[in-house]
Protein backbone atom coordinates (compact mmCIF):
# COMPACT_ATOMS: atom_id res chain seq x y z
CA MET A 1 15.93 14.13 0.32
CA LYS A 2 14.46 16.03 -2.59
CA ASP A 3 10.74 15.94 -3.28
CA ILE A 4 9.54 13.50 -5.93
CA ILE A 5 6.87 14.82 -8.28
CA VAL A 6 4.05 12.52 -9.33
CA ILE A 7 2.69 13.61 -12.71
CA THR A 8 -0.67 12.27 -13.89
CA GLU A 9 -2.94 13.35 -16.72
CA ASN A 10 -4.91 15.78 -14.56
CA LYS A 11 -2.67 16.50 -11.58
CA GLU A 12 0.87 17.01 -10.36
CA TYR A 13 1.78 16.67 -6.71
CA PRO A 14 4.90 16.24 -4.57
CA ILE A 15 5.99 13.44 -2.27
CA CYS A 16 7.80 15.26 0.54
CA PHE A 17 10.43 13.50 2.67
CA GLU A 18 11.24 14.75 6.16
CA ASN A 19 12.40 13.52 9.57
CA GLU A 20 9.70 15.37 11.53
CA PHE A 21 6.31 17.02 11.00
CA ASP A 22 7.34 20.68 10.99
CA GLY A 23 7.61 20.75 7.20
CA LEU A 24 3.86 20.15 6.92
CA ARG A 25 3.27 23.89 7.25
CA ASN A 26 5.28 24.59 4.13
CA ALA A 27 3.64 21.72 2.24
CA VAL A 28 0.20 23.15 3.06
CA GLU A 29 1.30 26.64 1.96
CA GLN A 30 2.76 25.33 -1.30
CA ALA A 31 -0.49 23.49 -2.03
CA GLY A 32 -2.52 26.65 -1.44
CA LEU A 33 -4.62 25.14 1.34
CA ARG A 34 -4.14 27.76 4.05
CA GLY A 35 -7.24 29.02 5.85
CA ARG A 36 -9.51 26.04 5.18
CA LYS A 37 -11.04 23.53 7.57
CA LEU A 38 -9.00 20.37 8.16
CA CYS A 39 -10.19 16.95 9.25
CA ILE A 40 -7.46 14.53 10.29
CA ILE A 41 -8.53 10.91 9.98
CA SER A 42 -6.47 8.45 12.00
CA ASP A 43 -6.88 5.13 13.80
CA THR A 44 -6.76 4.16 17.46
CA ASN A 45 -3.10 3.13 17.19
CA VAL A 46 -1.70 6.15 15.37
CA ALA A 47 -3.91 8.97 16.66
CA PRO A 48 -2.53 8.86 20.24
CA LEU A 49 1.02 9.06 18.86
CA TYR A 50 0.77 11.71 16.20
CA ALA A 51 -2.64 13.37 15.74
CA LYS A 52 -2.05 16.14 18.27
CA LYS A 53 1.50 16.74 16.99
CA VAL A 54 0.20 17.20 13.46
CA ALA A 55 -2.68 19.38 14.63
CA ASP A 56 -0.31 21.57 16.65
CA VAL A 57 2.03 22.03 13.68
CA LEU A 58 -0.88 23.00 11.43
CA GLU A 59 -2.80 25.11 13.95
CA GLU A 60 -1.96 28.39 12.23
CA SER A 61 -2.43 27.01 8.71
CA PHE A 62 -6.10 26.05 8.98
CA SER A 63 -9.15 27.88 10.28
CA GLU A 64 -10.32 24.78 12.17
CA ILE A 65 -8.90 21.32 12.83
CA ASN A 66 -10.91 18.25 13.83
CA ILE A 67 -9.66 14.72 14.47
CA CYS A 68 -11.78 11.72 13.46
CA THR A 69 -10.59 8.39 14.89
CA PHE A 70 -11.63 4.86 13.93
CA GLU A 71 -10.77 1.41 15.29
CA ALA A 72 -7.42 0.23 13.92
CA GLY A 73 -7.30 -2.77 11.62
CA GLU A 74 -8.44 -4.11 8.25
CA LYS A 75 -11.79 -5.15 9.70
CA SER A 76 -12.72 -1.46 9.97
CA LYS A 77 -12.13 -0.95 6.25
CA ASN A 78 -15.80 -1.07 5.29
CA ILE A 79 -18.80 1.02 4.33
CA ASP A 80 -19.96 1.33 7.96
CA THR A 81 -16.77 3.16 8.92
CA ILE A 82 -17.10 5.39 5.86
CA ALA A 83 -20.65 6.22 6.96
CA ASP A 84 -19.22 7.23 10.35
CA PHE A 85 -16.82 9.53 8.50
CA TYR A 86 -19.68 11.16 6.61
CA ASP A 87 -21.57 11.73 9.87
CA PHE A 88 -18.46 13.33 11.37
CA PHE A 89 -17.90 15.53 8.31
CA MET A 90 -21.47 16.78 8.39
CA ASP A 91 -21.44 17.31 12.14
CA LYS A 92 -18.31 19.47 11.77
CA LYS A 93 -19.84 21.25 8.75
CA LEU A 94 -17.06 20.36 6.36
CA ASP A 95 -17.66 21.89 2.94
CA ARG A 96 -16.24 21.48 -0.56
CA LYS A 97 -13.21 23.62 0.32
CA SER A 98 -12.35 21.52 3.37
CA VAL A 99 -9.28 19.27 3.52
CA ILE A 100 -9.16 15.65 4.67
CA ALA A 101 -5.83 14.18 5.79
CA GLY A 102 -5.14 10.48 6.17
CA LEU A 103 -2.68 10.08 9.06
CA GLY A 104 -1.69 6.43 9.45
CA GLY A 105 -1.03 3.25 7.53
CA GLY A 106 -2.49 1.82 4.37
CA VAL A 107 -5.95 1.13 5.77
CA CYS A 108 -6.25 4.70 7.04
CA GLY A 109 -5.00 6.28 3.81
CA ASP A 110 -7.27 4.15 1.63
CA MET A 111 -10.35 4.99 3.70
CA ALA A 112 -9.58 8.67 4.23
CA GLY A 113 -9.02 8.98 0.50
CA PHE A 114 -12.27 7.20 -0.31
CA GLY A 115 -14.12 9.47 2.11
CA ALA A 116 -12.53 12.51 0.46
CA ALA A 117 -13.28 11.24 -3.04
CA THR A 118 -16.98 10.71 -2.33
CA TYR A 119 -17.95 13.42 0.18
CA MET A 120 -19.62 16.29 -1.67
CA ARG A 121 -18.36 14.70 -4.91
CA GLY A 122 -14.77 15.20 -3.86
CA VAL A 123 -12.83 17.37 -1.44
CA THR A 124 -9.11 18.05 -1.11
CA PHE A 125 -7.10 15.14 0.24
CA ILE A 126 -3.57 14.82 1.64
CA GLN A 127 -1.66 11.70 2.66
CA ILE A 128 0.51 11.55 5.79
CA PRO A 129 1.61 7.89 5.85
CA THR A 130 3.17 6.56 9.06
CA SER A 131 3.74 2.88 8.20
CA LEU A 132 6.41 1.48 5.89
CA LEU A 133 3.81 -0.12 3.63
CA ALA A 134 1.96 3.18 3.25
CA GLN A 135 5.15 5.20 2.72
CA VAL A 136 6.50 2.96 -0.05
CA ASP A 137 3.26 1.97 -1.72
CA SER A 138 -0.33 2.78 -0.79
CA SER A 139 0.00 6.54 -0.18
CA VAL A 140 1.34 7.13 -3.70
CA GLY A 141 -0.74 6.82 -6.83
CA GLY A 142 -4.27 7.68 -5.82
CA LYS A 143 -5.83 4.27 -5.26
CA VAL A 144 -8.42 4.64 -2.50
CA GLY A 145 -11.16 2.29 -1.37
CA ILE A 146 -12.69 -0.18 1.05
CA ASP A 147 -13.35 -3.90 1.36
CA TYR A 148 -16.84 -5.22 0.73
CA LYS A 149 -18.36 -8.60 1.64
CA ASN A 150 -14.92 -10.10 2.29
CA GLY A 151 -13.65 -8.81 -1.04
CA LYS A 152 -10.39 -6.82 -0.85
CA ASN A 153 -10.69 -3.23 -2.15
CA VAL A 154 -13.63 -4.04 -4.41
CA VAL A 155 -15.19 -0.60 -3.85
CA GLY A 156 -13.00 2.39 -4.56
CA ALA A 157 -11.74 5.10 -6.85
CA PHE A 158 -8.64 6.70 -8.33
CA TYR A 159 -8.30 9.94 -6.39
CA GLN A 160 -4.95 11.68 -6.21
CA PRO A 161 -3.85 13.59 -3.10
CA ASP A 162 -2.63 17.18 -3.21
CA PHE A 163 0.60 16.00 -1.62
CA VAL A 164 2.14 13.08 0.26
CA TYR A 165 4.15 13.94 3.37
CA ILE A 166 6.49 11.22 4.64
CA ASN A 167 8.05 11.60 8.08
CA ILE A 168 10.51 8.71 8.02
CA ASN A 169 10.94 8.80 11.80
CA THR A 170 7.39 7.54 12.34
CA LEU A 171 8.81 4.11 11.53
CA LYS A 172 10.48 4.15 14.96
CA THR A 173 7.08 3.67 16.62
CA LEU A 174 5.85 1.08 14.11
CA PRO A 175 5.39 -2.44 15.54
CA VAL A 176 7.98 -4.87 14.18
CA ARG A 177 5.33 -7.06 12.54
CA GLU A 178 3.92 -4.03 10.69
CA PHE A 179 7.40 -2.98 9.56
CA ASN A 180 8.12 -6.46 8.26
CA ALA A 181 4.80 -6.52 6.41
CA GLY A 182 5.84 -3.31 4.69
CA MET A 183 9.09 -4.95 3.63
CA ALA A 184 7.11 -7.30 1.39
CA GLU A 185 6.11 -4.29 -0.71
CA VAL A 186 9.70 -2.98 -0.63
CA ILE A 187 11.15 -6.29 -1.80
CA LYS A 188 8.49 -6.45 -4.53
CA TYR A 189 10.04 -3.49 -6.37
CA GLY A 190 13.23 -5.40 -7.15
CA PRO A 191 11.78 -8.13 -9.38
CA ILE A 192 9.31 -5.82 -11.13
CA ALA A 193 11.58 -2.85 -11.80
CA SER A 194 15.20 -2.86 -10.66
CA SER A 195 17.83 -5.54 -10.19
CA GLU A 196 20.09 -2.88 -8.66
CA PHE A 197 17.51 -2.08 -5.99
CA TYR A 198 17.05 -5.78 -5.24
CA GLU A 199 20.81 -6.11 -4.72
CA PHE A 200 20.76 -3.04 -2.48
CA ILE A 201 18.09 -4.63 -0.28
CA LYS A 202 20.02 -7.89 -0.04
CA ASN A 203 23.30 -6.15 0.74
CA ASN A 204 21.80 -3.79 3.31
CA LYS A 205 19.22 -6.02 4.96
CA ALA A 206 20.86 -5.73 8.39
CA GLN A 207 20.85 -1.92 8.20
CA ILE A 208 17.23 -1.99 7.06
CA LYS A 209 16.24 -4.21 9.97
CA ALA A 210 18.08 -1.86 12.32
CA LEU A 211 16.18 1.13 10.85
CA ASP A 212 19.37 2.91 9.88
CA GLU A 213 18.14 6.37 8.92
CA ALA A 214 20.23 6.87 5.78
CA THR A 215 19.47 3.36 4.52
CA MET A 216 15.74 3.76 5.11
CA ALA A 217 15.76 7.13 3.33
CA THR A 218 17.29 5.41 0.31
CA VAL A 219 14.82 2.52 0.46
CA ILE A 220 11.73 4.68 0.77
CA GLY A 221 12.95 7.18 -1.81
CA GLU A 222 13.73 4.48 -4.38
CA CYS A 223 10.36 2.79 -3.89
CA CYS A 224 8.57 6.11 -4.33
CA LYS A 225 10.60 6.92 -7.46
CA ILE A 226 9.65 3.61 -9.04
CA LYS A 227 5.99 3.93 -8.15
CA ALA A 228 5.79 7.60 -9.19
CA ASP A 229 7.29 6.70 -12.56
CA VAL A 230 4.81 3.87 -13.09
CA VAL A 231 1.79 5.93 -12.00
CA SER A 232 2.86 8.86 -14.18
CA LYS A 233 2.83 6.55 -17.20
CA ASP A 234 -0.35 4.65 -16.28
CA GLU A 235 -2.54 6.33 -13.67
CA LYS A 236 -5.57 4.04 -13.85
CA GLU A 237 -3.99 0.63 -14.31
CA GLY A 238 -4.62 0.29 -18.01
CA GLY A 239 -1.33 -1.50 -18.59
CA LEU A 240 2.06 -0.82 -17.00
CA ARG A 241 0.69 -0.12 -13.51
CA GLU A 242 -0.41 -3.75 -13.32
CA ILE A 243 3.20 -4.68 -12.50
CA LEU A 244 2.64 -3.22 -9.02
CA ASN A 245 0.20 -6.09 -8.44
CA PHE A 246 2.97 -8.69 -8.45
CA GLY A 247 1.95 -11.26 -5.84
CA HIS A 248 -1.28 -9.45 -5.01
CA THR A 249 -3.82 -11.56 -6.88
CA ILE A 250 -3.17 -14.71 -4.87
CA GLY A 251 -2.19 -12.60 -1.85
CA HIS A 252 -5.51 -10.74 -1.76
CA ALA A 253 -7.40 -14.03 -2.02
CA ILE A 254 -5.46 -15.48 0.92
CA GLU A 255 -6.04 -12.29 2.90
CA SER A 256 -9.80 -12.58 2.37
CA VAL A 257 -10.03 -16.33 3.00
CA LYS A 258 -8.05 -15.87 6.22
CA GLU A 259 -10.58 -13.16 7.18
CA PHE A 260 -7.84 -10.52 7.46
CA THR A 261 -6.06 -12.25 10.35
CA LEU A 262 -2.86 -11.92 8.31
CA LEU A 263 -1.52 -8.48 7.41
CA HIS A 264 -1.66 -7.31 3.81
CA GLY A 265 2.11 -7.41 3.36
CA GLU A 266 2.27 -10.91 4.83
CA CYS A 267 -0.22 -12.10 2.24
CA VAL A 268 1.68 -10.33 -0.54
CA ALA A 269 4.81 -12.22 0.53
CA ILE A 270 2.99 -15.54 0.26
CA GLY A 271 1.44 -14.47 -3.04
CA MET A 272 4.83 -13.57 -4.51
CA VAL A 273 6.24 -16.97 -3.60
CA ALA A 274 3.27 -18.65 -5.29
CA VAL A 275 3.68 -16.65 -8.49
CA LEU A 276 7.44 -17.20 -8.54
CA GLN A 277 6.75 -20.93 -8.45
CA ILE A 278 4.91 -20.53 -11.78
CA CYS A 279 7.84 -18.48 -13.10
CA VAL A 280 10.19 -21.33 -12.18
CA SER A 281 7.91 -23.98 -13.71
CA ARG A 282 7.79 -21.96 -16.96
CA GLY A 283 11.56 -21.69 -17.04
CA TYR A 284 11.75 -17.92 -16.50
CA LEU A 285 13.61 -18.18 -13.20
CA THR A 286 15.74 -20.76 -11.43
CA GLU A 287 14.98 -22.76 -8.32
CA GLU A 288 18.06 -21.13 -6.80
CA PHE A 289 16.57 -17.66 -7.26
CA LEU A 290 13.27 -18.73 -5.69
CA ALA A 291 15.14 -20.16 -2.69
CA GLU A 292 17.13 -16.93 -2.36
CA TYR A 293 13.94 -14.83 -2.54
CA ILE A 294 12.24 -16.98 0.09
CA ASP A 295 15.28 -16.56 2.37
CA LEU A 296 15.10 -12.77 1.98
CA LEU A 297 11.42 -12.75 2.92
CA LYS A 298 12.14 -15.00 5.89
CA TYR A 299 14.92 -12.65 7.02
CA PHE A 300 12.20 -10.10 7.66
CA ASP A 301 10.05 -12.74 9.40
CA LEU A 302 7.54 -12.78 6.55
CA PRO A 303 5.46 -15.92 6.03
CA VAL A 304 6.07 -17.86 2.83
CA TYR A 305 3.22 -20.33 3.28
CA VAL A 306 -0.17 -20.40 4.98
CA GLN A 307 -2.11 -23.03 6.91
CA GLU A 308 -5.70 -23.79 7.88
CA ILE A 309 -7.22 -22.89 4.51
CA SER A 310 -7.76 -24.88 1.33
CA ALA A 311 -6.28 -24.23 -2.08
CA GLU A 312 -9.78 -24.52 -3.55
CA ALA A 313 -11.08 -21.71 -1.31
CA VAL A 314 -8.21 -19.45 -2.36
CA TYR A 315 -8.79 -20.24 -6.04
CA ARG A 316 -12.52 -19.44 -5.79
CA GLN A 317 -11.81 -16.18 -3.98
CA MET A 318 -9.46 -15.04 -6.74
CA PHE A 319 -12.41 -14.58 -9.10
CA PHE A 320 -13.66 -11.70 -6.93
CA ASP A 321 -10.44 -9.79 -7.66
CA LYS A 322 -10.73 -6.50 -9.57
CA LYS A 323 -8.14 -7.74 -12.06
CA VAL A 324 -10.39 -10.54 -13.35
CA LYS A 325 -11.65 -9.75 -16.85
CA ASN A 326 -13.99 -11.99 -18.83
CA ASN A 327 -13.52 -14.62 -16.13
CA LYS A 328 -9.77 -14.66 -16.70
CA ILE A 329 -7.31 -13.92 -13.91
CA SER A 330 -4.47 -11.54 -14.74
CA PHE A 331 -0.99 -12.27 -13.42
CA VAL A 332 2.33 -10.49 -13.32
CA PHE A 333 5.23 -12.85 -13.92
CA ILE A 334 8.95 -12.15 -13.58
CA LYS A 335 10.80 -13.15 -16.74
CA LYS A 336 14.10 -11.99 -15.29
CA MET A 337 15.04 -9.53 -12.57
CA GLY A 338 13.44 -6.19 -13.46
CA GLU A 339 11.51 -7.54 -16.46
CA THR A 340 7.86 -8.57 -16.20
CA ILE A 341 5.20 -10.32 -18.24
CA ARG A 342 1.54 -9.34 -17.78
CA THR A 343 -0.82 -12.05 -18.94
CA ASP A 344 -4.15 -13.76 -18.38
CA GLU A 345 -3.00 -16.83 -20.30
CA VAL A 346 -2.51 -18.98 -17.22
CA THR A 347 -4.04 -22.41 -16.85
CA GLU A 348 -6.12 -23.52 -13.90
CA LYS A 349 -3.57 -26.28 -13.34
CA GLU A 350 -0.74 -23.73 -13.04
CA ILE A 351 -2.74 -21.59 -10.61
CA ILE A 352 -3.78 -24.51 -8.40
CA SER A 353 -0.20 -25.81 -8.38
CA ALA A 354 1.06 -22.37 -7.30
CA ILE A 355 -1.52 -22.12 -4.52
CA ASN A 356 -0.70 -25.63 -3.32
CA TYR A 357 2.95 -24.58 -3.17
CA VAL A 358 2.14 -22.08 -0.39
CA VAL A 359 -0.91 -23.69 1.27
CA LYS A 360 0.38 -26.26 3.73
CA THR A 361 -1.87 -28.75 5.47
CA GLU A 362 0.87 -29.73 7.89
CA MET A 363 4.34 -28.55 8.95
């Protein structure tokens, strides 16, 4: 696969696609990072699998390599873990020329990027995503951050990496639940950007589930193309980039109310179903399409409803979302496949009805 170039107002960088880690050496050389100190940030799940492999590949490229590991999971995505990073950076005497690499899934990349963005007012950052969700979404575009007081990603920055390096074969060690959670973000790209891609997912769902290498290369590449195009046109979410939040507003609220016991992608799946219910009620989409979409999510064992929380709690939590402006909640609706509407003109009744559609008190 050819590299995809992300072009923003102040930076250009490649997304590199490989089937192993050996190409990291060339990526580092091309970025002009040779000879610096490197800190690899990874979690307790990914570090045992890949941290040493990456360090060994890059041994001759950097003057010093250190590995900083944190406890895996969304509950580590907080200011206390970031403070641990800072202590580690200072202990290892990282300076403004040092490089920080996020090796792992979305939580790891978000936190490593936030650490890089804020340490010494910003040091070089590279993304090495190992989960499907990170490869198709969170590693591209420069959004970095942490959760705060049960609010999802409410502290953060836009901080672009020097490159993104995707080793597609890391998906072979990804737990099935994590892979399926990533598929929520993959499926998202169809309604917001490409009917052809949506049809490809439907027609190749068995190959995707089987991790067919050629099929996954196409899936990941197409997702990255779409996101790179959107980010290049709107780096800081002033307009078009909002389409990437399809399903996320309600999804983030559910994720927080459930105290992060559901994975991010699982909550996005539920959030998309809720928003599509509004699209149906407004006459944009048919009931048949919603049923088909739900079936596709279910094929990848994604939840389409949630229990043991109240609709009122989800609604209240939504007002802590970053996309709330002047006490109005912004939504992305699907008018037809590949065509979106971004609006904050949504009634409380519509929102509550959508939440009730996915919050079930009983089976």
